Amino acid sequence: MTRSLASAITSALTDDNLTVCFLVDLDFSSGHIYYTNGGKSIVYGGNTYLAVGGLGGIDTISETSNLEAKGLTLTLSGIDSNHIAIALGENYQGRAAKIYFALLDANHDLVAAALMFTGRMDVMSISLGQTATISLSIEHQMIDANRPKIKRFTYEEQQVRDATDEGLQYVVAIENIDINWGRTDPTGANAGGGGNPNVGGDTAGIMLR
């Protein structure tokens, strides 16, 4: 797929003193964690990307002509101990992950950056030794197209969508109700049904379900 580059990047590529790095944005439930493999911390989009001991590697980002979802594996080392605790204790699967391609000048200051990959965190493995290393697989955002969209016509699901909508409150009750129409209800609760009030007793009986 043909892509265009931001004018800031195409202009910067003409400079002889450029350094390339990556910016990684991981959305954990307690908040975003930002990393870069640049020589120092970088501010981009109002967020500070912390320079880590080593952004061990990022798999080659590839695309296919048949729109196949291609994920990648991200390796981080020299991670802050507080961030290790977050990785161990939080539910991260399915949460967003973004990787940016960035250009730095001779002073390692940011020149320009562009979004390179968007996906969802999948499986994380952590190796603890003298330093901690995290290996994180990230699914491409297109993987969502392969997941079934299951929606149910229930009160509970409608409440998740809109807590003020009571329109499906009696769905279950209506589904299970027996209506005796034109026939005496043995329990006496619905004698005569909802028909002509002058007709009762054992007139033609029809049960609607």
Protein backbone atom coordinates (compact mmCIF):
# COMPACT_ATOMS: atom_id res chain seq x y z
CA MET A 1 0.00 0.00 0.00
CA THR A 2 1.39 3.38 -1.00
CA ARG A 3 1.78 5.79 1.89
CA SER A 4 2.68 9.45 2.01
CA LEU A 5 5.08 10.96 4.52
CA ALA A 6 4.53 14.14 6.46
CA SER A 7 6.29 17.12 4.93
CA ALA A 8 8.37 17.54 8.10
CA ILE A 9 9.81 14.06 7.62
CA THR A 10 10.52 14.38 3.89
CA SER A 11 12.27 17.69 4.56
CA ALA A 12 14.29 16.25 7.44
CA LEU A 13 15.48 13.30 5.35
CA THR A 14 17.67 15.66 3.36
CA ASP A 15 19.75 16.38 6.49
CA ASP A 16 23.03 14.47 6.81
CA ASN A 17 22.97 14.39 10.64
CA LEU A 18 19.90 12.37 11.45
CA THR A 19 19.28 9.59 13.92
CA VAL A 20 16.35 7.23 13.70
CA CYS A 21 14.53 5.94 16.77
CA PHE A 22 11.17 4.52 17.78
CA LEU A 23 8.53 5.79 20.18
CA VAL A 24 6.37 3.17 21.89
CA ASP A 25 3.02 3.98 23.52
CA LEU A 26 1.48 1.18 25.63
CA ASP A 27 -1.98 1.77 27.08
CA PHE A 28 -2.23 -0.05 30.43
CA SER A 29 -5.34 0.19 32.58
CA SER A 30 -3.58 2.47 35.08
CA GLY A 31 -2.35 4.78 32.34
CA HIS A 32 -0.09 5.00 29.30
CA ILE A 33 3.59 4.03 29.44
CA TYR A 34 5.89 5.72 26.93
CA TYR A 35 9.31 4.39 25.85
CA THR A 36 11.91 5.32 23.29
CA ASN A 37 15.22 3.84 22.24
CA GLY A 38 16.58 7.32 21.63
CA GLY A 39 19.59 8.59 23.52
CA LYS A 40 17.44 10.65 25.86
CA SER A 41 13.80 11.13 26.78
CA ILE A 42 11.70 12.67 24.02
CA VAL A 43 8.57 14.80 24.24
CA TYR A 44 6.05 14.13 21.47
CA GLY A 45 2.35 14.91 21.33
CA GLY A 46 2.48 16.30 24.86
CA ASN A 47 3.83 12.99 26.26
CA THR A 48 7.34 12.20 27.50
CA TYR A 49 8.82 9.01 26.06
CA LEU A 50 11.36 7.65 28.54
CA ALA A 51 14.71 6.47 27.24
CA VAL A 52 15.14 2.84 28.31
CA GLY A 53 18.32 0.80 28.56
CA GLY A 54 17.49 -0.96 25.35
CA LEU A 55 14.60 -1.31 23.01
CA GLY A 56 15.85 -4.76 22.16
CA GLY A 57 14.03 -5.14 18.92
CA ILE A 58 10.92 -4.62 16.87
CA ASP A 59 9.89 -7.19 14.30
CA THR A 60 9.76 -6.11 10.69
CA ILE A 61 6.45 -4.42 9.99
CA SER A 62 4.96 -5.94 6.86
CA GLU A 63 1.78 -5.65 4.84
CA THR A 64 0.25 -7.99 2.28
CA SER A 65 -1.93 -7.34 -0.75
CA ASN A 66 -4.76 -9.44 0.69
CA LEU A 67 -5.12 -7.25 3.81
CA GLU A 68 -3.85 -9.95 6.16
CA ALA A 69 -3.35 -8.76 9.73
CA LYS A 70 0.36 -8.99 10.55
CA GLY A 71 1.42 -8.56 14.15
CA LEU A 72 4.86 -8.04 15.63
CA THR A 73 6.91 -8.68 18.76
CA LEU A 74 8.44 -5.87 20.79
CA THR A 75 11.38 -6.50 23.14
CA LEU A 76 12.25 -4.10 25.97
CA SER A 77 15.14 -4.32 28.42
CA GLY A 78 16.37 -2.19 31.31
CA ILE A 79 12.79 -1.42 32.35
CA ASP A 80 11.94 0.59 35.47
CA SER A 81 10.89 -1.68 38.37
CA ASN A 82 7.61 0.20 38.80
CA HIS A 83 6.73 -0.57 35.20
CA ILE A 84 7.59 -4.23 35.75
CA ALA A 85 5.04 -4.29 38.58
CA ILE A 86 2.44 -2.83 36.21
CA ALA A 87 3.22 -5.45 33.59
CA LEU A 88 2.90 -8.24 36.15
CA GLY A 89 -0.23 -7.03 37.88
CA GLU A 90 -2.47 -5.44 35.27
CA ASN A 91 -4.81 -6.81 32.66
CA TYR A 92 -3.18 -5.58 29.46
CA GLN A 93 -4.48 -7.95 26.79
CA GLY A 94 -6.51 -6.25 24.10
CA ARG A 95 -5.39 -2.76 25.10
CA ALA A 96 -3.92 -0.35 22.56
CA ALA A 97 -0.28 -0.17 21.51
CA LYS A 98 1.27 2.32 19.08
CA ILE A 99 4.73 2.55 17.56
CA TYR A 100 6.04 5.74 15.98
CA PHE A 101 9.00 6.24 13.64
CA ALA A 102 10.98 9.32 14.73
CA LEU A 103 13.86 11.38 13.39
CA LEU A 104 16.34 13.12 15.71
CA ASP A 105 18.85 15.83 14.91
CA ALA A 106 22.52 15.89 15.89
CA ASN A 107 21.55 16.88 19.45
CA HIS A 108 19.08 14.00 19.70
CA ASP A 109 16.17 16.41 19.69
CA LEU A 110 13.01 15.38 17.89
CA VAL A 111 12.65 16.63 14.33
CA ALA A 112 9.54 14.74 13.23
CA ALA A 113 7.61 11.55 13.94
CA ALA A 114 4.99 9.46 12.17
CA LEU A 115 2.71 6.66 13.32
CA MET A 116 4.08 3.38 12.00
CA PHE A 117 1.98 0.66 13.67
CA THR A 118 -1.25 0.48 15.64
CA GLY A 119 -2.42 -2.67 17.37
CA ARG A 120 -3.42 -4.37 20.60
CA MET A 121 -1.24 -5.97 23.24
CA ASP A 122 -1.55 -9.74 23.24
CA VAL A 123 0.96 -11.93 25.13
CA MET A 124 3.75 -10.70 27.40
CA SER A 125 6.66 -12.69 28.80
CA ILE A 126 9.04 -11.30 31.41
CA SER A 127 12.57 -12.50 32.13
CA LEU A 128 13.98 -11.33 35.46
CA GLY A 129 17.71 -11.35 36.09
CA GLN A 130 20.25 -8.60 36.72
CA THR A 131 18.03 -6.62 34.36
CA ALA A 132 14.45 -7.24 33.35
CA THR A 133 13.51 -8.02 29.77
CA ILE A 134 9.97 -7.90 28.46
CA SER A 135 8.87 -9.54 25.23
CA LEU A 136 5.44 -8.35 24.09
CA SER A 137 3.50 -9.57 21.08
CA ILE A 138 1.19 -7.02 19.51
CA GLU A 139 -1.68 -7.86 17.19
CA HIS A 140 -2.39 -5.57 14.27
CA GLN A 141 -5.57 -3.51 14.64
CA MET A 142 -7.01 -5.32 11.61
CA ILE A 143 -7.33 -8.45 13.75
CA ASP A 144 -10.56 -6.91 15.05
CA ALA A 145 -12.14 -7.55 11.65
CA ASN A 146 -11.76 -11.30 12.23
CA ARG A 147 -13.50 -11.29 15.60
CA PRO A 148 -17.24 -12.01 15.63
CA LYS A 149 -19.38 -9.06 16.72
CA ILE A 150 -21.84 -10.68 19.12
CA LYS A 151 -24.73 -8.47 20.17
CA ARG A 152 -27.82 -9.63 22.06
CA PHE A 153 -31.29 -8.13 22.18
CA THR A 154 -31.33 -8.10 25.99
CA TYR A 155 -31.95 -5.57 28.72
CA GLU A 156 -28.49 -6.16 30.21
CA GLU A 157 -26.64 -5.45 26.98
CA GLN A 158 -28.74 -2.37 26.29
CA GLN A 159 -27.85 -1.07 29.76
CA VAL A 160 -24.15 -1.36 28.88
CA ARG A 161 -24.80 0.75 25.79
CA ASP A 162 -27.10 3.28 27.46
CA ALA A 163 -27.90 3.05 31.17
CA THR A 164 -30.88 5.39 30.74
CA ASP A 165 -32.64 3.23 28.14
CA GLU A 166 -35.31 1.04 29.76
CA GLY A 167 -36.88 -0.05 26.48
CA LEU A 168 -35.89 -3.71 26.85
CA GLN A 169 -36.74 -4.03 30.53
CA TYR A 170 -39.61 -6.48 29.94
CA VAL A 171 -38.16 -8.53 27.08
CA VAL A 172 -37.79 -11.70 29.17
CA ALA A 173 -41.25 -11.32 30.71
CA ILE A 174 -42.87 -10.91 27.29
CA GLU A 175 -40.97 -13.87 25.87
CA ASN A 176 -42.27 -16.23 28.59
CA ILE A 177 -45.82 -14.96 28.98
CA ASP A 178 -48.91 -17.06 28.17
CA ILE A 179 -51.92 -15.07 26.98
CA ASN A 180 -55.31 -16.81 27.15
CA TRP A 181 -57.49 -15.13 24.54
CA GLY A 182 -61.23 -15.79 24.60
CA ARG A 183 -60.92 -18.71 27.01
CA THR A 184 -61.35 -18.89 30.73
CA ASP A 185 -57.99 -18.90 32.48
CA PRO A 186 -57.88 -21.83 34.94
CA THR A 187 -56.21 -19.54 37.44
CA GLY A 188 -58.81 -16.85 36.95
CA ALA A 189 -56.08 -14.31 36.33
CA ASN A 190 -56.94 -13.56 32.73
CA ALA A 191 -60.59 -14.51 32.24
CA GLY A 192 -61.99 -13.32 28.96
CA GLY A 193 -58.50 -12.39 27.68
CA GLY A 194 -58.30 -8.95 26.16
CA GLY A 195 -61.24 -9.38 23.79
CA ASN A 196 -64.89 -8.31 23.96
CA PRO A 197 -65.73 -7.88 27.64
CA ASN A 198 -69.22 -9.21 26.92
CA VAL A 199 -67.80 -12.54 25.76
CA GLY A 200 -66.55 -14.94 28.38
CA GLY A 201 -67.02 -18.43 29.65
CA ASP A 202 -66.16 -21.19 27.26
CA THR A 203 -66.40 -19.30 23.99
CA ALA A 204 -63.97 -20.16 21.21
CA GLY A 205 -60.59 -20.50 22.89
CA ILE A 206 -57.33 -19.41 21.35
CA MET A 207 -53.98 -19.35 23.16
CA LEU A 208 -51.37 -16.94 21.87
CA ARG A 209 -47.69 -17.41 22.69
